[in-house]
Protein backbone atom coordinates (compact mmCIF):
# COMPACT_ATOMS: atom_id res chain seq x y z
CA MET A 1 -18.36 -32.07 -15.68
CA LYS A 2 -19.18 -29.20 -18.04
CA ASN A 3 -21.10 -27.46 -15.23
CA LYS A 4 -18.06 -27.65 -12.91
CA VAL A 5 -15.80 -26.17 -15.59
CA LEU A 6 -18.25 -23.30 -16.15
CA ARG A 7 -18.44 -22.57 -12.40
CA PHE A 8 -14.66 -22.68 -12.08
CA SER A 9 -14.13 -20.35 -15.06
CA ALA A 10 -16.79 -17.93 -13.69
CA LEU A 11 -15.07 -17.89 -10.29
CA MET A 12 -11.65 -17.29 -11.87
CA THR A 13 -13.09 -14.46 -13.99
CA ILE A 14 -14.57 -12.77 -10.91
CA LEU A 15 -11.28 -13.08 -8.99
CA PHE A 16 -9.35 -11.72 -11.98
CA VAL A 17 -11.65 -8.69 -12.23
CA ILE A 18 -11.35 -7.98 -8.49
CA VAL A 19 -7.54 -8.18 -8.60
CA LEU A 20 -7.46 -6.10 -11.80
CA GLN A 21 -9.43 -3.35 -10.06
CA GLY A 22 -6.81 -3.19 -7.32
CA CYS A 23 -8.88 -4.41 -4.40
CA SER A 24 -7.15 -6.10 -1.50
CA LEU A 25 -8.77 -9.41 -0.73
CA PHE A 26 -6.97 -10.20 2.50
CA SER A 27 -6.96 -6.93 4.49
CA SER A 28 -8.69 -6.86 7.86
CA ILE A 29 -9.06 -4.65 10.91
CA ILE A 30 -7.05 -5.75 13.92
CA GLU A 31 -8.23 -4.70 17.40
CA GLU A 32 -6.16 -4.74 20.57
CA HIS A 33 -5.91 -3.04 23.95
CA ASP A 34 -2.71 -1.16 24.79
CA LEU A 35 -2.24 -1.65 28.52
CA VAL A 36 0.68 0.80 28.71
CA TYR A 37 -1.17 3.82 27.27
CA ASP A 38 -4.63 2.53 28.27
CA THR A 39 -5.96 2.89 24.74
CA HIS A 40 -8.08 0.76 22.47
CA ARG A 41 -6.30 0.35 19.12
CA LYS A 42 -7.74 -0.60 15.78
CA SER A 43 -5.40 -0.91 12.81
CA LEU A 44 -5.79 -1.55 9.10
CA ALA A 45 -2.88 -2.26 6.76
CA LEU A 46 -3.43 -1.86 3.01
CA ASN A 47 -1.10 -2.71 0.13
CA LEU A 48 -1.79 -0.21 -2.64
CA GLU A 49 -0.46 0.69 -6.08
CA ASP A 50 -0.30 3.84 -8.17
CA ARG A 51 -3.00 4.26 -10.83
CA ASN A 52 -0.27 5.09 -13.34
CA THR A 53 1.48 1.87 -14.29
CA LEU A 54 4.54 3.83 -15.52
CA SER A 55 5.00 5.52 -12.14
CA GLN A 56 8.25 5.35 -10.21
CA VAL A 57 6.17 4.40 -7.14
CA LEU A 58 6.27 0.61 -7.12
CA PHE A 59 3.86 0.09 -4.22
CA VAL A 60 2.64 1.62 -0.96
CA LYS A 61 1.89 -0.04 2.35
CA LYS A 62 -0.45 2.26 4.24
CA THR A 63 -1.33 1.48 7.87
CA PHE A 64 -4.15 3.35 9.61
CA VAL A 65 -4.13 3.24 13.43
CA LYS A 66 -7.14 4.51 15.35
CA GLU A 67 -6.51 4.96 19.08
CA THR A 68 -9.31 5.64 21.56
CA SER A 69 -8.15 6.71 25.01
CA ALA A 70 -9.93 6.05 28.31
CA ASP A 71 -11.50 9.55 28.15
CA GLN A 72 -12.84 8.68 24.63
CA THR A 73 -10.37 10.95 22.78
CA VAL A 74 -9.83 9.54 19.28
CA ASP A 75 -6.62 9.91 17.28
CA LEU A 76 -6.08 8.54 13.77
CA LYS A 77 -2.48 8.11 12.67
CA VAL A 78 -1.32 6.98 9.22
CA TYR A 79 1.99 5.25 8.52
CA ASP A 80 3.16 4.98 4.91
CA VAL A 81 5.95 2.82 3.54
CA ILE A 82 6.44 3.94 -0.08
CA THR A 83 8.73 1.92 -2.33
CA LEU A 84 10.16 3.77 -5.34
CA SER A 85 12.46 2.66 -8.11
CA GLY A 86 16.12 3.46 -7.48
CA SER A 87 16.29 6.04 -10.28
CA SER A 88 13.32 8.08 -9.07
CA PHE A 89 13.44 11.54 -7.51
CA ASN A 90 12.88 11.79 -3.78
CA LEU A 91 9.37 12.50 -2.57
CA GLU A 92 8.61 16.10 -1.71
CA ASP A 93 8.01 16.93 1.95
CA ARG A 94 4.28 17.28 1.37
CA ALA A 95 1.41 15.01 0.53
CA PHE A 96 -2.29 15.47 -0.15
CA LEU A 97 -5.51 13.63 0.45
CA ILE A 98 -8.21 13.97 -2.22
CA ILE A 99 -11.73 13.11 -1.05
CA ASP A 100 -14.43 13.33 -3.73
CA GLU A 101 -12.26 15.85 -5.64
CA GLU A 102 -11.73 18.06 -2.54
CA VAL A 103 -8.02 18.50 -1.71
CA PHE A 104 -6.64 18.39 1.86
CA PRO A 105 -2.92 19.06 2.50
CA LEU A 106 -1.37 16.62 4.96
CA THR A 107 1.08 17.71 7.65
CA LEU A 108 3.86 15.15 7.77
CA ASN A 109 5.23 14.41 11.25
CA ALA A 110 8.26 12.47 10.08
CA LYS A 111 9.97 11.32 6.89
CA GLU A 112 12.68 8.65 6.68
CA LEU A 113 14.58 7.61 3.57
CA GLU A 114 16.35 4.30 3.01
CA HIS A 115 18.21 3.05 -0.06
CA THR A 116 18.22 -0.69 -0.63
CA THR A 117 20.24 -2.83 -2.99
CA ARG A 118 19.54 -6.41 -3.91
CA ILE A 119 22.02 -8.41 -5.96
CA ASP A 120 20.70 -11.52 -7.68
CA GLU A 121 22.74 -14.18 -9.44
CA ASN A 122 21.69 -15.13 -12.97
CA HIS A 123 21.87 -18.90 -13.49
CA GLU A 124 21.84 -21.11 -16.53
CA ASP A 125 21.68 -24.90 -16.63
CA VAL A 126 24.51 -26.43 -18.65
CA LYS A 127 24.67 -30.08 -19.68
CA THR A 128 27.91 -31.88 -18.97
CA SER A 129 29.44 -34.63 -21.12
CA ASP A 130 27.56 -37.31 -19.14
CA SER A 131 24.18 -35.52 -19.81
CA THR A 132 23.71 -34.25 -16.26
CA SER A 133 22.78 -30.62 -15.69
CA VAL A 134 24.86 -28.21 -13.68
CA SER A 135 23.69 -24.73 -12.72
CA VAL A 136 26.28 -22.11 -13.64
CA VAL A 137 26.34 -18.45 -12.60
CA THR A 138 26.23 -16.40 -15.81
CA GLY A 139 26.09 -12.93 -14.30
CA TYR A 140 24.56 -10.67 -11.72
CA SER A 141 21.67 -8.23 -11.72
CA THR A 142 21.36 -5.35 -9.29
CA ASN A 143 18.04 -3.95 -8.10
CA TYR A 144 18.06 -0.51 -6.43
CA ARG A 145 15.06 0.83 -4.54
CA LYS A 146 14.21 3.78 -2.31
CA ILE A 147 11.99 3.20 0.67
CA ILE A 148 10.35 6.24 2.21
CA ARG A 149 8.50 6.11 5.51
CA LEU A 150 6.01 8.83 6.43
CA ASN A 151 3.66 9.32 9.32
CA TYR A 152 0.94 11.86 9.93
CA SER A 153 -2.36 12.30 11.73
CA LEU A 154 -5.75 12.83 10.14
CA PRO A 155 -8.00 15.37 11.89
CA LEU A 156 -11.65 14.64 12.73
CA GLU A 157 -12.89 16.81 9.82
CA ILE A 158 -11.07 14.60 7.31
CA THR A 159 -12.09 11.30 8.92
CA THR A 160 -15.74 12.42 8.82
CA LYS A 161 -15.44 13.22 5.11
CA ILE A 162 -13.82 9.84 4.40
CA GLN A 163 -16.78 8.06 6.02
CA GLU A 164 -19.12 9.73 3.50
CA ALA A 165 -16.76 9.57 0.49
CA ASN A 166 -17.22 7.87 -2.84
CA SER A 167 -13.54 8.28 -3.78
CA VAL A 168 -10.35 8.67 -1.73
CA PHE A 169 -6.86 9.23 -3.19
CA PHE A 170 -3.48 10.05 -1.68
CA ARG A 171 -1.21 12.22 -3.84
CA TYR A 172 2.58 12.40 -3.65
CA TYR A 173 5.06 14.35 -5.79
CA ALA A 174 8.56 13.18 -6.76
CA GLY A 175 10.37 15.55 -9.11
CA PRO A 176 8.28 15.94 -12.28
CA GLU A 177 6.01 13.02 -11.36
CA MET A 178 2.81 12.93 -9.39
CA SER A 179 1.68 9.64 -7.92
CA THR A 180 -1.97 9.06 -7.14
CA ILE A 181 -2.73 6.17 -4.82
CA PRO A 182 -6.43 5.22 -4.72
CA ILE A 183 -8.24 3.53 -1.89
CA LYS A 184 -11.14 1.73 -3.49
CA CYS A 185 -13.48 -1.24 -3.35
CA ASN A 186 -13.18 -3.34 -0.22
CA ASP A 187 -10.24 -1.25 1.05
CA LEU A 188 -12.43 1.87 1.23
CA LYS A 189 -15.21 -0.10 2.96
CA LEU A 190 -12.73 -1.38 5.55
CA LEU A 191 -11.34 2.14 6.11
CA LYS A 192 -14.86 3.47 6.66
CA LYS A 193 -15.53 0.62 9.09
CA LEU A 194 -12.31 1.46 10.99
CA LEU A 195 -13.34 5.12 11.26
CA ALA A 196 -16.92 4.40 12.36
CA LYS A 197 -17.63 4.93 16.04
């Protein structure tokens, strides 16, 4: 029994360390053929977070799509869905990719902004005279968020550098804040696998 407890606690410690480092455990590359455009598509969706825990960027969903046409032309497109707190500044119309401390400006093809509001009821259980509990609405809380969608292409020079990289970061600016989104651990391995020929 003691041996099972030790194995379980070791496994939980390993999982905790992996999650703490910000690695996605469930990302995978999806392959499909696009009959309409006659292209072979590979895509990888990553859920990422800012290194700075006080950042206004709550999380980023980054989807990489590699399309290979019938004549073997390769195009890599990136689609970002960036969720910011409602009180944050808007993102600037520029972004950067940092590969092993070398900076590459990204040319954004499109930028969309959406404001979302979620209203939640606050409940409290109250006991009645016959000792049964009744849930009573005690107030409301409002959650505001900004969702920004970006898309851009990565040229061959950058994709080649990513395949050889030890560190890859995306940098965004919103007012006085800079947000640095790392791609690390298994996520970086998967991205390199997606980019490989």
